Amino acid sequence: MNGLINILKPTGMSSHDVVNFIRKTLKVKKVGHTGTLDPNAAGVLPICLGKATRISEYLIDKTKEYRAELTLGCKTDTQDKYGNVICSSNNKVTEADIIKAFNSFIGEIEQIPPMFSAVKYKGKKLYELARSGIEIPRKPRKVIIYDIKIIDIKDCKKVLFDVKCSKGTYIRTLCNDIGDYLNTYGYMSFLLRTRVGNFSICDSFTIEEIEELSRYGKINTIIKPIDYALEKFKSINFESKHYKRLINGGSMSIDDKKCRYKHFDLIRVYCNNEFIGVGKVIVDRNKKYVRMEKVLI
């Protein structure tokens, strides 16, 4: 069984819990996810099966989209509603203030990873240190907020919004930082991941649906082919006579008239219109070649 399933992860389950559930339910040994989603959050979690586990690194880099809620007036130690309140403020803000604040975070920004996160420090996860009452300095990381759209503002205290961002973005840290920008405090009170790359919440499947499809032998109807997840990679198709050369690590020269490939570009490689894996473009003396990076047949 090779391919990907678009899971709608429920709250209360960790990403690892979902992997274990799929492994047990579908009786598949090789199972992996494509980027951790907090146990207290719900939403899209693409799961890789079999040979698809070898492309998970490409999916982790995908753009992600969320619907979230910011609650103003309090700061928590976890930056979400599940933590302890450590500060509060009665400072008033207006809708205009909120809109201006949100817009100011669009583009490349820096975030300091929260202590309650899976980021590692000297082999230990930060949340393990935080639970022991230890806080360490963290270096800011650059992330990109591609877009923010405010959906609703309630009494200038709660803001429901959609955000499109790069990998590594902490939405709860975004909420915390917007609160600071507004000269008050803020925490994330709701989070739903709505998209990872081309995996949308609209075509995701719940845990219960997976169980039912598996019970009736219909799970194959929802498994996406491996190349579905690589839709943004350029592609190239070779005649079937080149198949053995490609899968055995040989290089193939490529015609670059139709599609401009760059040195080290990763591309989808097909033989006779059948996907065989991911290749890497090599430019040498103004000539371009492709060599298989990962054979996935």
Protein backbone atom coordinates (compact mmCIF):
# COMPACT_ATOMS: atom_id res chain seq x y z
CA MET A 1 0.00 0.00 0.00
CA ASN A 2 1.68 3.19 -1.25
CA GLY A 3 0.30 6.73 -1.33
CA LEU A 4 -1.18 9.40 0.92
CA ILE A 5 -4.35 9.81 2.95
CA ASN A 6 -5.69 13.23 3.91
CA ILE A 7 -6.64 12.82 7.58
CA LEU A 8 -8.79 15.27 9.55
CA LYS A 9 -6.99 14.99 12.88
CA PRO A 10 -9.30 15.49 15.86
CA THR A 11 -8.35 17.40 18.99
CA GLY A 12 -6.93 15.19 21.71
CA MET A 13 -4.82 13.05 19.38
CA SER A 14 -1.17 13.72 18.70
CA SER A 15 0.20 13.37 15.17
CA HIS A 16 2.04 10.27 16.39
CA ASP A 17 -1.25 8.85 17.70
CA VAL A 18 -2.72 9.20 14.19
CA VAL A 19 0.27 7.40 12.67
CA ASN A 20 -0.18 4.53 15.14
CA PHE A 21 -3.91 4.39 14.40
CA ILE A 22 -3.32 4.16 10.64
CA ARG A 23 -0.58 1.55 11.09
CA LYS A 24 -2.87 -0.62 13.20
CA THR A 25 -6.09 -0.09 11.22
CA LEU A 26 -4.64 -0.54 7.74
CA LYS A 27 -1.96 -3.03 8.82
CA VAL A 28 0.78 -1.04 7.08
CA LYS A 29 4.31 -1.06 8.51
CA LYS A 30 5.67 2.11 6.92
CA VAL A 31 3.55 5.09 7.96
CA GLY A 32 4.58 8.70 8.57
CA HIS A 33 3.09 12.18 8.87
CA THR A 34 4.11 15.37 7.13
CA GLY A 35 4.49 17.86 9.94
CA THR A 36 3.36 17.86 13.55
CA LEU A 37 -0.03 19.31 14.46
CA ASP A 38 -0.46 20.07 18.17
CA PRO A 39 -2.64 17.55 20.08
CA ASN A 40 -5.02 20.36 21.07
CA ALA A 41 -5.47 21.47 17.45
CA ALA A 42 -7.54 19.82 14.73
CA GLY A 43 -7.23 19.78 10.98
CA VAL A 44 -5.43 18.52 7.92
CA LEU A 45 -2.69 15.95 8.53
CA PRO A 46 -1.49 14.18 5.35
CA ILE A 47 -0.35 10.65 6.17
CA CYS A 48 2.23 8.84 4.02
CA LEU A 49 1.94 5.11 3.40
CA GLY A 50 4.66 2.74 2.22
CA LYS A 51 7.01 4.30 -0.31
CA ALA A 52 5.30 7.67 0.13
CA THR A 53 7.10 7.98 3.49
CA ARG A 54 10.21 8.80 1.46
CA ILE A 55 8.69 12.08 0.21
CA SER A 56 7.53 13.36 3.61
CA GLU A 57 10.49 15.77 3.70
CA TYR A 58 9.10 17.55 0.62
CA LEU A 59 5.65 17.90 2.19
CA ILE A 60 6.95 19.35 5.45
CA ASP A 61 8.15 22.35 3.41
CA LYS A 62 4.68 23.01 2.01
CA THR A 63 2.73 26.21 2.64
CA LYS A 64 0.11 25.76 5.36
CA GLU A 65 -3.21 27.46 6.06
CA TYR A 66 -5.11 27.79 9.33
CA ARG A 67 -8.26 29.24 10.82
CA ALA A 68 -7.53 30.55 14.29
CA GLU A 69 -8.92 32.73 17.05
CA LEU A 70 -7.01 35.34 19.04
CA THR A 71 -8.29 36.30 22.48
CA LEU A 72 -6.99 39.62 23.77
CA GLY A 73 -6.37 40.74 27.35
CA CYS A 74 -4.43 37.78 28.76
CA LYS A 75 -1.10 36.03 28.25
CA THR A 76 -0.62 32.33 29.02
CA ASP A 77 2.58 30.35 29.53
CA THR A 78 1.75 28.11 26.54
CA GLN A 79 0.44 30.97 24.36
CA ASP A 80 -2.88 29.12 23.97
CA LYS A 81 -6.02 28.61 26.08
CA TYR A 82 -4.68 25.44 27.68
CA GLY A 83 -1.93 27.21 29.62
CA ASN A 84 -1.87 29.16 32.86
CA VAL A 85 -2.65 32.88 32.73
CA ILE A 86 0.53 34.76 33.68
CA CYS A 87 -0.43 38.35 32.74
CA SER A 88 -3.59 40.32 32.06
CA SER A 89 -4.42 43.81 30.84
CA ASN A 90 -7.46 46.08 30.69
CA ASN A 91 -6.05 48.16 27.85
CA LYS A 92 -8.72 48.90 25.24
CA VAL A 93 -8.17 48.47 21.51
CA THR A 94 -10.31 49.43 18.52
CA GLU A 95 -11.18 47.49 15.38
CA ALA A 96 -8.91 49.83 13.44
CA ASP A 97 -6.06 49.01 15.84
CA ILE A 98 -6.67 45.28 15.35
CA ILE A 99 -6.77 45.51 11.55
CA LYS A 100 -3.56 47.56 11.50
CA ALA A 101 -1.84 45.07 13.82
CA PHE A 102 -2.77 42.06 11.71
CA ASN A 103 -1.65 43.74 8.50
CA SER A 104 1.72 44.60 10.04
CA PHE A 105 2.54 40.90 10.38
CA ILE A 106 2.16 40.09 6.67
CA GLY A 107 5.51 39.27 5.05
CA GLU A 108 8.74 37.91 6.48
CA ILE A 109 8.75 38.15 10.27
CA GLU A 110 10.78 36.76 13.16
CA GLN A 111 9.32 34.48 15.80
CA ILE A 112 10.83 33.19 19.01
CA PRO A 113 9.77 29.54 19.39
CA PRO A 114 7.61 29.08 22.51
CA MET A 115 9.00 27.12 25.44
CA PHE A 116 6.06 24.74 25.12
CA SER A 117 7.17 23.38 21.74
CA ALA A 118 8.94 20.35 20.26
CA VAL A 119 12.04 22.38 19.36
CA LYS A 120 15.08 20.62 20.81
CA TYR A 121 17.78 22.07 23.06
CA LYS A 122 20.78 19.83 23.83
CA GLY A 123 18.77 16.74 22.97
CA LYS A 124 15.71 17.67 25.02
CA LYS A 125 12.43 19.09 23.76
CA LEU A 126 11.64 22.56 25.04
CA TYR A 127 8.28 21.52 26.47
CA GLU A 128 10.05 18.93 28.64
CA LEU A 129 12.23 21.69 30.10
CA ALA A 130 9.25 24.02 30.47
CA ARG A 131 7.33 21.42 32.47
CA SER A 132 10.31 21.25 34.83
CA GLY A 133 10.16 25.01 35.30
CA ILE A 134 13.23 25.66 33.16
CA GLU A 135 13.28 28.45 30.58
CA ILE A 136 16.17 28.96 28.19
CA PRO A 137 16.95 31.76 25.72
CA ARG A 138 15.71 30.96 22.18
CA LYS A 139 16.94 32.49 18.97
CA PRO A 140 14.38 34.16 16.68
CA ARG A 141 13.50 32.30 13.49
CA LYS A 142 12.40 33.81 10.21
CA VAL A 143 9.02 32.71 8.89
CA ILE A 144 6.70 34.10 6.22
CA ILE A 145 3.09 35.16 6.66
CA TYR A 146 1.78 35.16 3.10
CA ASP A 147 -1.69 36.41 3.94
CA ILE A 148 -4.02 37.12 6.86
CA LYS A 149 -7.76 37.63 6.51
CA ILE A 150 -9.85 38.71 9.50
CA ILE A 151 -13.18 36.85 9.51
CA ASP A 152 -14.81 38.36 12.59
CA ILE A 153 -14.06 40.68 15.51
CA LYS A 154 -16.15 40.29 18.68
CA ASP A 155 -16.21 43.20 21.12
CA CYS A 156 -12.58 43.93 20.19
CA LYS A 157 -11.62 40.99 22.41
CA LYS A 158 -11.82 37.98 20.11
CA VAL A 159 -10.59 37.87 16.51
CA LEU A 160 -11.33 34.98 14.16
CA PHE A 161 -8.93 34.91 11.21
CA ASP A 162 -7.46 32.85 8.38
CA VAL A 163 -3.70 32.77 7.83
CA LYS A 164 -1.47 31.36 5.10
CA CYS A 165 2.12 30.83 6.22
CA SER A 166 5.43 29.06 5.70
CA LYS A 167 6.60 25.95 7.52
CA GLY A 168 7.78 26.49 11.09
CA THR A 169 5.24 29.22 11.83
CA TYR A 170 3.69 29.07 15.30
CA ILE A 171 0.17 30.48 15.16
CA ARG A 172 0.00 30.77 18.95
CA THR A 173 3.19 32.82 18.88
CA LEU A 174 1.62 34.98 16.18
CA CYS A 175 -1.35 35.58 18.50
CA ASN A 176 0.98 36.36 21.41
CA ASP A 177 3.00 38.81 19.31
CA ILE A 178 -0.09 40.57 17.93
CA GLY A 179 -1.22 41.07 21.53
CA ASP A 180 2.14 42.64 22.36
CA TYR A 181 1.91 44.87 19.28
CA LEU A 182 -1.46 46.14 20.53
CA ASN A 183 0.08 47.02 23.91
CA THR A 184 -2.00 44.36 25.62
CA TYR A 185 -1.77 40.56 25.76
CA GLY A 186 -3.11 37.79 23.57
CA TYR A 187 -3.33 34.03 23.27
CA MET A 188 -4.61 31.52 20.73
CA SER A 189 -8.04 30.23 21.74
CA PHE A 190 -8.78 28.07 18.67
CA LEU A 191 -6.79 26.44 15.87
CA LEU A 192 -7.84 24.47 12.80
CA ARG A 193 -5.40 23.59 10.02
CA THR A 194 -7.31 23.91 6.77
CA ARG A 195 -4.66 23.16 4.14
CA VAL A 196 -1.20 21.64 3.64
CA GLY A 197 -0.01 22.13 0.06
CA ASN A 198 -2.84 20.77 -2.08
CA PHE A 199 -4.39 18.75 0.77
CA SER A 200 -7.53 20.64 1.82
CA ILE A 201 -9.85 20.14 4.76
CA CYS A 202 -12.70 19.90 2.24
CA ASP A 203 -11.47 16.50 1.05
CA SER A 204 -10.10 15.15 4.34
CA PHE A 205 -11.38 12.07 6.18
CA THR A 206 -12.14 11.61 9.86
CA ILE A 207 -10.80 8.77 11.99
CA GLU A 208 -14.28 7.24 12.02
CA GLU A 209 -14.52 7.39 8.22
CA ILE A 210 -11.14 5.68 7.89
CA GLU A 211 -12.30 2.88 10.19
CA GLU A 212 -15.46 2.37 8.14
CA LEU A 213 -13.69 2.43 4.76
CA SER A 214 -11.14 -0.06 6.05
CA ARG A 215 -13.85 -2.35 7.43
CA TYR A 216 -15.57 -2.52 4.04
CA GLY A 217 -12.37 -2.84 2.01
CA LYS A 218 -12.74 0.57 0.35
CA ILE A 219 -9.70 2.35 1.74
CA ASN A 220 -7.97 2.33 -1.67
CA THR A 221 -10.65 4.70 -3.00
CA ILE A 222 -9.23 7.58 -0.94
CA ILE A 223 -5.49 6.93 -1.21
CA LYS A 224 -3.81 9.61 -3.32
CA PRO A 225 -0.91 8.59 -5.60
CA ILE A 226 2.55 9.68 -4.51
CA ASP A 227 2.97 12.26 -7.28
CA TYR A 228 -0.26 14.01 -6.21
CA ALA A 229 1.65 15.53 -3.32
CA LEU A 230 4.39 16.86 -5.61
CA GLU A 231 2.18 18.91 -7.89
CA LYS A 232 4.39 22.00 -7.66
CA PHE A 233 7.45 20.14 -8.91
CA LYS A 234 8.11 20.47 -12.62
CA SER A 235 7.83 17.19 -14.50
CA ILE A 236 9.49 15.34 -17.34
CA ASN A 237 8.44 12.23 -19.28
CA PHE A 238 10.87 9.78 -20.90
CA GLU A 239 10.26 6.93 -23.30
CA SER A 240 10.05 3.51 -21.66
CA LYS A 241 13.37 2.44 -23.23
CA HIS A 242 15.17 4.75 -20.75
CA TYR A 243 13.52 3.17 -17.71
CA LYS A 244 16.34 0.85 -16.62
CA ARG A 245 18.99 3.53 -17.07
CA LEU A 246 17.06 5.95 -14.88
CA ILE A 247 16.23 3.58 -12.01
CA ASN A 248 19.82 2.32 -11.95
CA GLY A 249 21.19 5.82 -11.34
CA GLY A 250 22.13 6.78 -14.87
CA SER A 251 21.89 10.38 -16.08
CA MET A 252 19.65 11.44 -18.95
CA SER A 253 20.13 14.60 -20.98
CA ILE A 254 17.04 16.77 -21.16
CA ASP A 255 15.59 19.19 -23.67
CA ASP A 256 15.03 22.51 -21.93
CA LYS A 257 13.10 24.33 -24.66
CA LYS A 258 9.65 23.96 -23.13
CA CYS A 259 10.42 24.07 -19.40
CA ARG A 260 13.28 26.02 -17.89
CA TYR A 261 14.98 23.75 -15.37
CA LYS A 262 17.55 25.11 -12.92
CA HIS A 263 20.57 23.43 -11.35
CA PHE A 264 19.47 21.14 -8.50
CA ASP A 265 15.75 21.52 -9.31
CA LEU A 266 13.76 18.56 -8.03
CA ILE A 267 11.34 17.25 -10.65
CA ARG A 268 8.74 14.53 -11.06
CA VAL A 269 10.06 11.87 -13.42
CA TYR A 270 7.79 9.71 -15.58
CA CYS A 271 8.48 6.86 -18.00
CA ASN A 272 5.81 6.28 -20.62
CA ASN A 273 3.57 8.58 -18.52
CA GLU A 274 4.00 6.47 -15.37
CA PHE A 275 5.51 8.13 -12.29
CA ILE A 276 8.79 6.52 -11.23
CA GLY A 277 10.15 9.00 -8.69
CA VAL A 278 11.88 12.29 -7.97
CA GLY A 279 14.85 13.39 -10.03
CA LYS A 280 17.41 16.16 -9.66
CA VAL A 281 18.50 18.45 -12.48
CA ILE A 282 22.25 18.75 -13.01
CA VAL A 283 23.71 21.55 -15.13
CA ASP A 284 27.19 20.84 -16.48
CA ARG A 285 28.91 22.89 -19.19
CA ASN A 286 25.62 24.43 -20.31
CA LYS A 287 24.06 21.00 -20.73
CA LYS A 288 21.28 19.74 -18.51
CA TYR A 289 20.78 16.24 -17.19
CA VAL A 290 18.41 14.53 -14.79
CA ARG A 291 19.43 11.86 -12.32
CA MET A 292 17.05 10.02 -10.01
CA GLU A 293 17.09 11.28 -6.44
CA LYS A 294 14.45 8.85 -5.18
CA VAL A 295 13.07 5.88 -7.12
CA LEU A 296 9.50 5.32 -5.91
CA ILE A 297 8.22 2.35 -7.89
